[in-house]
Each structure stands twice: as C-alpha cells, then as structure tokens.
Amino acid sequence: MAEQSSAQHELATLIVDSLNLETVTADQIDPDAPLFGGDLGLDSIDALEIALAVSKRYGFQLRSDNPENRKIFTSLRTLSEHVEQHRAV
C-alpha cells in the first residue's frame, strides 16, 4: 500500500467520519485503491455524502453534473488532487 500524504490522510479521515465507516480507519485507505467497487464498498449515495462533506470542509462544490466525476472519484489520490486544486484558501 502506498503511503498517504497529509492532505490524503485529512481527506481519508473526512470520508471515514462523514460516512460513519466502522470497519475502516483513515490509515487503511490505500491512496491508489478504487473508492467505489473496491474494498470500501462505497456507492453513489456515499459519493453524495463525500461531496457534501468536501464542500463544507474545503469551501467548493463537487457538482453531480461534472463530467470529470468518474475520474475525480477514482481513488483517494485523485480526489485529494482535485481538492488541493480547488479548495478555498
């Protein structure tokens, strides 16, 4: 498993907390593993929850009609990169 950056760990913690994941800790989320259809077992409702949590924490919207969503939500790494590029300073 690849090591998480501090930004990835912060985002992983947000995901675990916002989804109330009881069987996974933030440290256990591999930055390169698929967020959906993988070991986490996340679904489209979870994607909405993550988008809401990200908008509250980082001050920008992850829009459901964004054609890049499939790429953005591929993994913790891709989501973290997107957040870092768009977060309000």
PDB file of N, CA and C in Angstrom:
ATOM      1  N   MET A   1       0.842  -1.190   0.000  1.00  0.00           N
ATOM      2  CA  MET A   1       0.000   0.000   0.000  1.00  0.00           C
ATOM      3  C   MET A   1       0.882   1.247   0.000  1.00  0.00           C
ATOM      4  N   ALA A   2       0.511   2.199  -0.828  1.00  0.00           N
ATOM      5  CA  ALA A   2       1.245   3.469  -0.876  1.00  0.00           C
ATOM      6  C   ALA A   2       0.962   4.264   0.393  1.00  0.00           C
ATOM      7  N   GLU A   3       1.912   5.080   0.772  1.00  0.00           N
ATOM      8  CA  GLU A   3       1.735   5.906   1.961  1.00  0.00           C
ATOM      9  C   GLU A   3       0.906   7.143   1.619  1.00  0.00           C
ATOM     10  N   GLN A   4       0.042   7.533   2.538  1.00  0.00           N
ATOM     11  CA  GLN A   4      -0.796   8.712   2.327  1.00  0.00           C
ATOM     12  C   GLN A   4      -0.011   9.992   2.598  1.00  0.00           C
ATOM     13  N   SER A   5      -0.273  11.023   1.787  1.00  0.00           N
ATOM     14  CA  SER A   5       0.246  12.354   2.094  1.00  0.00           C
ATOM     15  C   SER A   5      -0.627  12.922   3.215  1.00  0.00           C
ATOM     16  N   SER A   6      -0.206  14.031   3.791  1.00  0.00           N
ATOM     17  CA  SER A   6      -1.010  14.624   4.864  1.00  0.00           C
ATOM     18  C   SER A   6      -2.366  15.069   4.334  1.00  0.00           C
ATOM     19  N   ALA A   7      -2.414  15.594   3.103  1.00  0.00           N
ATOM     20  CA  ALA A   7      -3.694  16.011   2.513  1.00  0.00           C
ATOM     21  C   ALA A   7      -4.597  14.795   2.278  1.00  0.00           C
ATOM     22  N   GLN A   8      -4.019  13.696   1.839  1.00  0.00           N
ATOM     23  CA  GLN A   8      -4.801  12.476   1.626  1.00  0.00           C
ATOM     24  C   GLN A   8      -5.317  11.929   2.941  1.00  0.00           C
ATOM     25  N   HIS A   9      -4.489  11.990   3.985  1.00  0.00           N
ATOM     26  CA  HIS A   9      -4.924  11.486   5.287  1.00  0.00           C
ATOM     27  C   HIS A   9      -6.076  12.341   5.836  1.00  0.00           C
ATOM     28  N   GLU A  10      -5.972  13.646   5.670  1.00  0.00           N
ATOM     29  CA  GLU A  10      -7.049  14.542   6.124  1.00  0.00           C
ATOM     30  C   GLU A  10      -8.352  14.208   5.399  1.00  0.00           C
ATOM     31  N   LEU A  11      -8.270  13.976   4.098  1.00  0.00           N
ATOM     32  CA  LEU A  11      -9.443  13.633   3.303  1.00  0.00           C
ATOM     33  C   LEU A  11      -9.966  12.239   3.673  1.00  0.00           C
ATOM     34  N   ALA A  12      -9.082  11.290   3.889  1.00  0.00           N
ATOM     35  CA  ALA A  12      -9.495   9.940   4.296  1.00  0.00           C
ATOM     36  C   ALA A  12     -10.231   9.991   5.627  1.00  0.00           C
ATOM     37  N   THR A  13      -9.739  10.805   6.548  1.00  0.00           N
ATOM     38  CA  THR A  13     -10.406  10.967   7.844  1.00  0.00           C
ATOM     39  C   THR A  13     -11.794  11.562   7.647  1.00  0.00           C
ATOM     40  N   LEU A  14     -11.910  12.548   6.774  1.00  0.00           N
ATOM     41  CA  LEU A  14     -13.202  13.153   6.468  1.00  0.00           C
ATOM     42  C   LEU A  14     -14.167  12.111   5.895  1.00  0.00           C
ATOM     43  N   ILE A  15     -13.682  11.265   5.000  1.00  0.00           N
ATOM     44  CA  ILE A  15     -14.517  10.215   4.405  1.00  0.00           C
ATOM     45  C   ILE A  15     -14.990   9.234   5.467  1.00  0.00           C
ATOM     46  N   VAL A  16     -14.068   8.754   6.286  1.00  0.00           N
ATOM     47  CA  VAL A  16     -14.417   7.789   7.334  1.00  0.00           C
ATOM     48  C   VAL A  16     -15.435   8.391   8.298  1.00  0.00           C
ATOM     49  N   ASP A  17     -15.206   9.646   8.699  1.00  0.00           N
ATOM     50  CA  ASP A  17     -16.113  10.299   9.651  1.00  0.00           C
ATOM     51  C   ASP A  17     -17.478  10.597   9.035  1.00  0.00           C
ATOM     52  N   SER A  18     -17.495  11.126   7.819  1.00  0.00           N
ATOM     53  CA  SER A  18     -18.770  11.531   7.215  1.00  0.00           C
ATOM     54  C   SER A  18     -19.628  10.331   6.828  1.00  0.00           C
ATOM     55  N   LEU A  19     -19.000   9.198   6.531  1.00  0.00           N
ATOM     56  CA  LEU A  19     -19.753   8.001   6.161  1.00  0.00           C
ATOM     57  C   LEU A  19     -19.945   7.043   7.335  1.00  0.00           C
ATOM     58  N   ASN A  20     -19.426   7.424   8.496  1.00  0.00           N
ATOM     59  CA  ASN A  20     -19.514   6.571   9.686  1.00  0.00           C
ATOM     60  C   ASN A  20     -19.028   5.149   9.401  1.00  0.00           C
ATOM     61  N   LEU A  21     -17.884   5.059   8.740  1.00  0.00           N
ATOM     62  CA  LEU A  21     -17.317   3.741   8.429  1.00  0.00           C
ATOM     63  C   LEU A  21     -16.779   3.123   9.712  1.00  0.00           C
ATOM     64  N   GLU A  22     -17.302   1.967  10.055  1.00  0.00           N
ATOM     65  CA  GLU A  22     -16.926   1.343  11.319  1.00  0.00           C
ATOM     66  C   GLU A  22     -15.847   0.285  11.156  1.00  0.00           C
ATOM     67  N   THR A  23     -15.686  -0.220   9.946  1.00  0.00           N
ATOM     68  CA  THR A  23     -14.725  -1.308   9.744  1.00  0.00           C
ATOM     69  C   THR A  23     -13.422  -0.834   9.129  1.00  0.00           C
ATOM     70  N   VAL A  24     -13.314   0.472   8.862  1.00  0.00           N
ATOM     71  CA  VAL A  24     -12.131   1.019   8.192  1.00  0.00           C
ATOM     72  C   VAL A  24     -11.665   2.261   8.940  1.00  0.00           C
ATOM     73  N   THR A  25     -10.346   2.399   9.080  1.00  0.00           N
ATOM     74  CA  THR A  25      -9.789   3.640   9.609  1.00  0.00           C
ATOM     75  C   THR A  25      -9.188   4.421   8.444  1.00  0.00           C
ATOM     76  N   ALA A  26      -8.964   5.703   8.655  1.00  0.00           N
ATOM     77  CA  ALA A  26      -8.392   6.547   7.601  1.00  0.00           C
ATOM     78  C   ALA A  26      -7.058   5.984   7.128  1.00  0.00           C
ATOM     79  N   ASP A  27      -6.268   5.451   8.045  1.00  0.00           N
ATOM     80  CA  ASP A  27      -4.948   4.904   7.699  1.00  0.00           C
ATOM     81  C   ASP A  27      -5.032   3.695   6.776  1.00  0.00           C
ATOM     82  N   GLN A  28      -6.176   3.007   6.781  1.00  0.00           N
ATOM     83  CA  GLN A  28      -6.316   1.788   5.987  1.00  0.00           C
ATOM     84  C   GLN A  28      -6.735   2.051   4.544  1.00  0.00           C
ATOM     85  N   ILE A  29      -7.051   3.295   4.206  1.00  0.00           N
ATOM     86  CA  ILE A  29      -7.478   3.597   2.845  1.00  0.00           C
ATOM     87  C   ILE A  29      -6.243   3.811   1.965  1.00  0.00           C
ATOM     88  N   ASP A  30      -6.050   2.899   1.031  1.00  0.00           N
ATOM     89  CA  ASP A  30      -4.926   2.982   0.098  1.00  0.00           C
ATOM     90  C   ASP A  30      -5.195   4.133  -0.866  1.00  0.00           C
ATOM     91  N   PRO A  31      -4.249   5.077  -1.010  1.00  0.00           N
ATOM     92  CA  PRO A  31      -4.471   6.228  -1.884  1.00  0.00           C
ATOM     93  C   PRO A  31      -4.773   5.846  -3.335  1.00  0.00           C
ATOM     94  N   ASP A  32      -4.306   4.679  -3.772  1.00  0.00           N
ATOM     95  CA  ASP A  32      -4.479   4.272  -5.164  1.00  0.00           C
ATOM     96  C   ASP A  32      -5.583   3.241  -5.374  1.00  0.00           C
ATOM     97  N   ALA A  33      -6.202   2.781  -4.298  1.00  0.00           N
ATOM     98  CA  ALA A  33      -7.278   1.792  -4.420  1.00  0.00           C
ATOM     99  C   ALA A  33      -8.563   2.486  -4.873  1.00  0.00           C
ATOM    100  N   PRO A  34      -9.412   1.782  -5.623  1.00  0.00           N
ATOM    101  CA  PRO A  34     -10.674   2.391  -6.059  1.00  0.00           C
ATOM    102  C   PRO A  34     -11.551   2.738  -4.850  1.00  0.00           C
ATOM    103  N   LEU A  35     -12.133   3.929  -4.888  1.00  0.00           N
ATOM    104  CA  LEU A  35     -13.058   4.310  -3.813  1.00  0.00           C
ATOM    105  C   LEU A  35     -14.373   3.552  -3.950  1.00  0.00           C
ATOM    106  N   PHE A  36     -14.778   3.295  -5.191  1.00  0.00           N
ATOM    107  CA  PHE A  36     -16.060   2.635  -5.447  1.00  0.00           C
ATOM    108  C   PHE A  36     -15.821   1.299  -6.132  1.00  0.00           C
ATOM    109  N   GLY A  37     -16.579   0.296  -5.709  1.00  0.00           N
ATOM    110  CA  GLY A  37     -16.422  -1.023  -6.290  1.00  0.00           C
ATOM    111  C   GLY A  37     -15.217  -1.775  -5.753  1.00  0.00           C
ATOM    112  N   GLY A  38     -14.542  -1.202  -4.763  1.00  0.00           N
ATOM    113  CA  GLY A  38     -13.371  -1.856  -4.183  1.00  0.00           C
ATOM    114  C   GLY A  38     -13.664  -2.341  -2.773  1.00  0.00           C
ATOM    115  N   ASP A  39     -12.625  -2.398  -1.959  1.00  0.00           N
ATOM    116  CA  ASP A  39     -12.741  -2.920  -0.600  1.00  0.00           C
ATOM    117  C   ASP A  39     -13.637  -2.071   0.296  1.00  0.00           C
ATOM    118  N   LEU A  40     -13.756  -0.778   0.002  1.00  0.00           N
ATOM    119  CA  LEU A  40     -14.562   0.091   0.855  1.00  0.00           C
ATOM    120  C   LEU A  40     -16.056  -0.140   0.663  1.00  0.00           C
ATOM    121  N   GLY A  41     -16.449  -0.633  -0.491  1.00  0.00           N
ATOM    122  CA  GLY A  41     -17.854  -0.918  -0.749  1.00  0.00           C
ATOM    123  C   GLY A  41     -18.719   0.328  -0.819  1.00  0.00           C
ATOM    124  N   LEU A  42     -18.167   1.429  -1.291  1.00  0.00           N
ATOM    125  CA  LEU A  42     -18.930   2.668  -1.370  1.00  0.00           C
ATOM    126  C   LEU A  42     -19.835   2.665  -2.596  1.00  0.00           C
ATOM    127  N   ASP A  43     -20.951   3.421  -2.505  1.00  0.00           N
ATOM    128  CA  ASP A  43     -21.885   3.506  -3.622  1.00  0.00           C
ATOM    129  C   ASP A  43     -22.187   4.966  -3.941  1.00  0.00           C
ATOM    130  N   SER A  44     -23.150   5.192  -4.834  1.00  0.00           N
ATOM    131  CA  SER A  44     -23.443   6.554  -5.292  1.00  0.00           C
ATOM    132  C   SER A  44     -23.964   7.450  -4.169  1.00  0.00           C
ATOM    133  N   ILE A  45     -24.674   6.881  -3.209  1.00  0.00           N
ATOM    134  CA  ILE A  45     -25.136   7.670  -2.064  1.00  0.00           C
ATOM    135  C   ILE A  45     -23.920   8.146  -1.254  1.00  0.00           C
ATOM    136  N   ASP A  46     -22.936   7.269  -1.107  1.00  0.00           N
ATOM    137  CA  ASP A  46     -21.705   7.648  -0.402  1.00  0.00           C
ATOM    138  C   ASP A  46     -20.992   8.779  -1.140  1.00  0.00           C
ATOM    139  N   ALA A  47     -21.021   8.749  -2.473  1.00  0.00           N
ATOM    140  CA  ALA A  47     -20.397   9.812  -3.257  1.00  0.00           C
ATOM    141  C   ALA A  47     -21.053  11.155  -2.939  1.00  0.00           C
ATOM    142  N   LEU A  48     -22.366  11.168  -2.803  1.00  0.00           N
ATOM    143  CA  LEU A  48     -23.074  12.404  -2.452  1.00  0.00           C
ATOM    144  C   LEU A  48     -22.671  12.886  -1.064  1.00  0.00           C
ATOM    145  N   GLU A  49     -22.561  11.960  -0.131  1.00  0.00           N
ATOM    146  CA  GLU A  49     -22.142  12.307   1.234  1.00  0.00           C
ATOM    147  C   GLU A  49     -20.724  12.884   1.239  1.00  0.00           C
ATOM    148  N   ILE A  50     -19.829  12.269   0.478  1.00  0.00           N
ATOM    149  CA  ILE A  50     -18.451  12.753   0.389  1.00  0.00           C
ATOM    150  C   ILE A  50     -18.435  14.153  -0.227  1.00  0.00           C
ATOM    151  N   ALA A  51     -19.214  14.344  -1.301  1.00  0.00           N
ATOM    152  CA  ALA A  51     -19.264  15.649  -1.960  1.00  0.00           C
ATOM    153  C   ALA A  51     -19.756  16.725  -0.996  1.00  0.00           C
ATOM    154  N   LEU A  52     -20.761  16.406  -0.191  1.00  0.00           N
ATOM    155  CA  LEU A  52     -21.287  17.360   0.783  1.00  0.00           C
ATOM    156  C   LEU A  52     -20.241  17.679   1.852  1.00  0.00           C
ATOM    157  N   ALA A  53     -19.574  16.653   2.347  1.00  0.00           N
ATOM    158  CA  ALA A  53     -18.545  16.856   3.374  1.00  0.00           C
ATOM    159  C   ALA A  53     -17.380  17.679   2.827  1.00  0.00           C
ATOM    160  N   VAL A  54     -16.983  17.413   1.585  1.00  0.00           N
ATOM    161  CA  VAL A  54     -15.891  18.168   0.961  1.00  0.00           C
ATOM    162  C   VAL A  54     -16.287  19.629   0.807  1.00  0.00           C
ATOM    163  N   SER A  55     -17.522  19.887   0.370  1.00  0.00           N
ATOM    164  CA  SER A  55     -17.936  21.280   0.167  1.00  0.00           C
ATOM    165  C   SER A  55     -17.963  22.040   1.489  1.00  0.00           C
ATOM    166  N   LYS A  56     -18.389  21.379   2.555  1.00  0.00           N
ATOM    167  CA  LYS A  56     -18.399  22.032   3.878  1.00  0.00           C
ATOM    168  C   LYS A  56     -16.986  22.302   4.377  1.00  0.00           C
ATOM    169  N   ARG A  57     -16.093  21.329   4.212  1.00  0.00           N
ATOM    170  CA  ARG A  57     -14.745  21.433   4.752  1.00  0.00           C
ATOM    171  C   ARG A  57     -13.848  22.340   3.920  1.00  0.00           C
ATOM    172  N   TYR A  58     -13.941  22.221   2.593  1.00  0.00           N
ATOM    173  CA  TYR A  58     -12.961  22.878   1.728  1.00  0.00           C
ATOM    174  C   TYR A  58     -13.506  24.083   0.961  1.00  0.00           C
ATOM    175  N   GLY A  59     -14.804  24.359   1.076  1.00  0.00           N
ATOM    176  CA  GLY A  59     -15.353  25.586   0.526  1.00  0.00           C
ATOM    177  C   GLY A  59     -15.560  25.623  -0.978  1.00  0.00           C
ATOM    178  N   PHE A  60     -15.777  24.469  -1.610  1.00  0.00           N
ATOM    179  CA  PHE A  60     -16.143  24.466  -3.031  1.00  0.00           C
ATOM    180  C   PHE A  60     -17.060  23.277  -3.296  1.00  0.00           C
ATOM    181  N   GLN A  61     -17.834  23.381  -4.350  1.00  0.00           N
ATOM    182  CA  GLN A  61     -18.821  22.354  -4.678  1.00  0.00           C
ATOM    183  C   GLN A  61     -18.231  21.274  -5.580  1.00  0.00           C
ATOM    184  N   LEU A  62     -18.521  20.026  -5.256  1.00  0.00           N
ATOM    185  CA  LEU A  62     -18.297  18.922  -6.188  1.00  0.00           C
ATOM    186  C   LEU A  62     -19.659  18.687  -6.833  1.00  0.00           C
ATOM    187  N   ARG A  63     -19.827  19.130  -8.048  1.00  0.00           N
ATOM    188  CA  ARG A  63     -21.128  19.105  -8.692  1.00  0.00           C
ATOM    189  C   ARG A  63     -21.427  17.729  -9.290  1.00  0.00           C
ATOM    190  N   SER A  64     -22.673  17.292  -9.124  1.00  0.00           N
ATOM    191  CA  SER A  64     -23.072  15.980  -9.635  1.00  0.00           C
ATOM    192  C   SER A  64     -23.075  15.923 -11.158  1.00  0.00           C
ATOM    193  N   ASP A  65     -23.172  17.084 -11.814  1.00  0.00           N
ATOM    194  CA  ASP A  65     -23.201  17.090 -13.279  1.00  0.00           C
ATOM    195  C   ASP A  65     -21.811  17.289 -13.904  1.00  0.00           C
ATOM    196  N   ASN A  66     -20.767  17.232 -13.087  1.00  0.00           N
ATOM    197  CA  ASN A  66     -19.412  17.394 -13.599  1.00  0.00           C
ATOM    198  C   ASN A  66     -19.011  16.140 -14.377  1.00  0.00           C
ATOM    199  N   PRO A  67     -18.679  16.286 -15.677  1.00  0.00           N
ATOM    200  CA  PRO A  67     -18.310  15.113 -16.469  1.00  0.00           C
ATOM    201  C   PRO A  67     -17.018  14.445 -15.985  1.00  0.00           C
ATOM    202  N   GLU A  68     -16.246  15.140 -15.164  1.00  0.00           N
ATOM    203  CA  GLU A  68     -14.982  14.597 -14.647  1.00  0.00           C
ATOM    204  C   GLU A  68     -15.164  13.754 -13.382  1.00  0.00           C
ATOM    205  N   ASN A  69     -16.391  13.640 -12.868  1.00  0.00           N
ATOM    206  CA  ASN A  69     -16.605  12.966 -11.584  1.00  0.00           C
ATOM    207  C   ASN A  69     -16.043  11.552 -11.531  1.00  0.00           C
ATOM    208  N   ARG A  70     -16.213  10.806 -12.600  1.00  0.00           N
ATOM    209  CA  ARG A  70     -15.701   9.420 -12.596  1.00  0.00           C
ATOM    210  C   ARG A  70     -14.195   9.422 -12.344  1.00  0.00           C
ATOM    211  N   LYS A  71     -13.499  10.376 -12.975  1.00  0.00           N
ATOM    212  CA  LYS A  71     -12.048  10.488 -12.778  1.00  0.00           C
ATOM    213  C   LYS A  71     -11.720  11.030 -11.390  1.00  0.00           C
ATOM    214  N   ILE A  72     -12.455  12.057 -10.961  1.00  0.00           N
ATOM    215  CA  ILE A  72     -12.206  12.684  -9.660  1.00  0.00           C
ATOM    216  C   ILE A  72     -12.355  11.667  -8.528  1.00  0.00           C
ATOM    217  N   PHE A  73     -13.386  10.838  -8.603  1.00  0.00           N
ATOM    218  CA  PHE A  73     -13.686   9.883  -7.531  1.00  0.00           C
ATOM    219  C   PHE A  73     -13.050   8.514  -7.749  1.00  0.00           C
ATOM    220  N   THR A  74     -12.049   8.422  -8.622  1.00  0.00           N
ATOM    221  CA  THR A  74     -11.401   7.137  -8.884  1.00  0.00           C
ATOM    222  C   THR A  74     -10.769   6.565  -7.615  1.00  0.00           C
ATOM    223  N   SER A  75     -10.019   7.406  -6.905  1.00  0.00           N
ATOM    224  CA  SER A  75      -9.282   6.934  -5.737  1.00  0.00           C
ATOM    225  C   SER A  75      -9.094   8.094  -4.762  1.00  0.00           C
ATOM    226  N   LEU A  76      -8.592   7.784  -3.604  1.00  0.00           N
ATOM    227  CA  LEU A  76      -8.276   8.830  -2.625  1.00  0.00           C
ATOM    228  C   LEU A  76      -7.274   9.808  -3.227  1.00  0.00           C
ATOM    229  N   ARG A  77      -6.303   9.294  -3.970  1.00  0.00           N
ATOM    230  CA  ARG A  77      -5.282  10.161  -4.577  1.00  0.00           C
ATOM    231  C   ARG A  77      -5.916  11.154  -5.560  1.00  0.00           C
ATOM    232  N   THR A  78      -6.779  10.678  -6.463  1.00  0.00           N
ATOM    233  CA  THR A  78      -7.370  11.581  -7.461  1.00  0.00           C
ATOM    234  C   THR A  78      -8.322  12.579  -6.810  1.00  0.00           C
ATOM    235  N   LEU A  79      -9.072  12.143  -5.811  1.00  0.00           N
ATOM    236  CA  LEU A  79      -9.969  13.056  -5.106  1.00  0.00           C
ATOM    237  C   LEU A  79      -9.171  14.111  -4.351  1.00  0.00           C
ATOM    238  N   SER A  80      -8.094  13.699  -3.718  1.00  0.00           N
ATOM    239  CA  SER A  80      -7.249  14.624  -2.968  1.00  0.00           C
ATOM    240  C   SER A  80      -6.607  15.657  -3.893  1.00  0.00           C
ATOM    241  N   GLU A  81      -6.149  15.207  -5.065  1.00  0.00           N
ATOM    242  CA  GLU A  81      -5.547  16.135  -6.030  1.00  0.00           C
ATOM    243  C   GLU A  81      -6.570  17.174  -6.479  1.00  0.00           C
ATOM    244  N   HIS A  82      -7.799  16.733  -6.712  1.00  0.00           N
ATOM    245  CA  HIS A  82      -8.864  17.650  -7.124  1.00  0.00           C
ATOM    246  C   HIS A  82      -9.156  18.661  -6.012  1.00  0.00           C
ATOM    247  N   VAL A  83      -9.240  18.175  -4.781  1.00  0.00           N
ATOM    248  CA  VAL A  83      -9.495  19.060  -3.640  1.00  0.00           C
ATOM    249  C   VAL A  83      -8.373  20.088  -3.512  1.00  0.00           C
ATOM    250  N   GLU A  84      -7.134  19.645  -3.627  1.00  0.00           N
ATOM    251  CA  GLU A  84      -6.000  20.564  -3.488  1.00  0.00           C
ATOM    252  C   GLU A  84      -6.011  21.648  -4.567  1.00  0.00           C
ATOM    253  N   GLN A  85      -6.485  21.309  -5.759  1.00  0.00           N
ATOM    254  CA  GLN A  85      -6.529  22.287  -6.849  1.00  0.00           C
ATOM    255  C   GLN A  85      -7.656  23.304  -6.684  1.00  0.00           C
ATOM    256  N   HIS A  86      -8.733  22.909  -5.991  1.00  0.00           N
ATOM    257  CA  HIS A  86      -9.930  23.744  -5.966  1.00  0.00           C
ATOM    258  C   HIS A  86     -10.315  24.302  -4.605  1.00  0.00           C
ATOM    259  N   ARG A  87      -9.656  23.875  -3.553  1.00  0.00           N
ATOM    260  CA  ARG A  87     -10.069  24.307  -2.205  1.00  0.00           C
ATOM    261  C   ARG A  87      -9.911  25.799  -2.031  1.00  0.00           C
ATOM    262  N   ALA A  88     -10.812  26.354  -1.247  1.00  0.00           N
ATOM    263  CA  ALA A  88     -10.730  27.786  -0.923  1.00  0.00           C
ATOM    264  C   ALA A  88      -9.566  27.981   0.047  1.00  0.00           C
ATOM    265  N   VAL A  89      -8.799  29.003  -0.180  1.00  0.00           N
ATOM    266  CA  VAL A  89      -7.597  29.224   0.644  1.00  0.00           C
ATOM    267  C   VAL A  89      -7.970  29.861   1.958  1.00  0.00           C
TER     268      VAL A  89
END
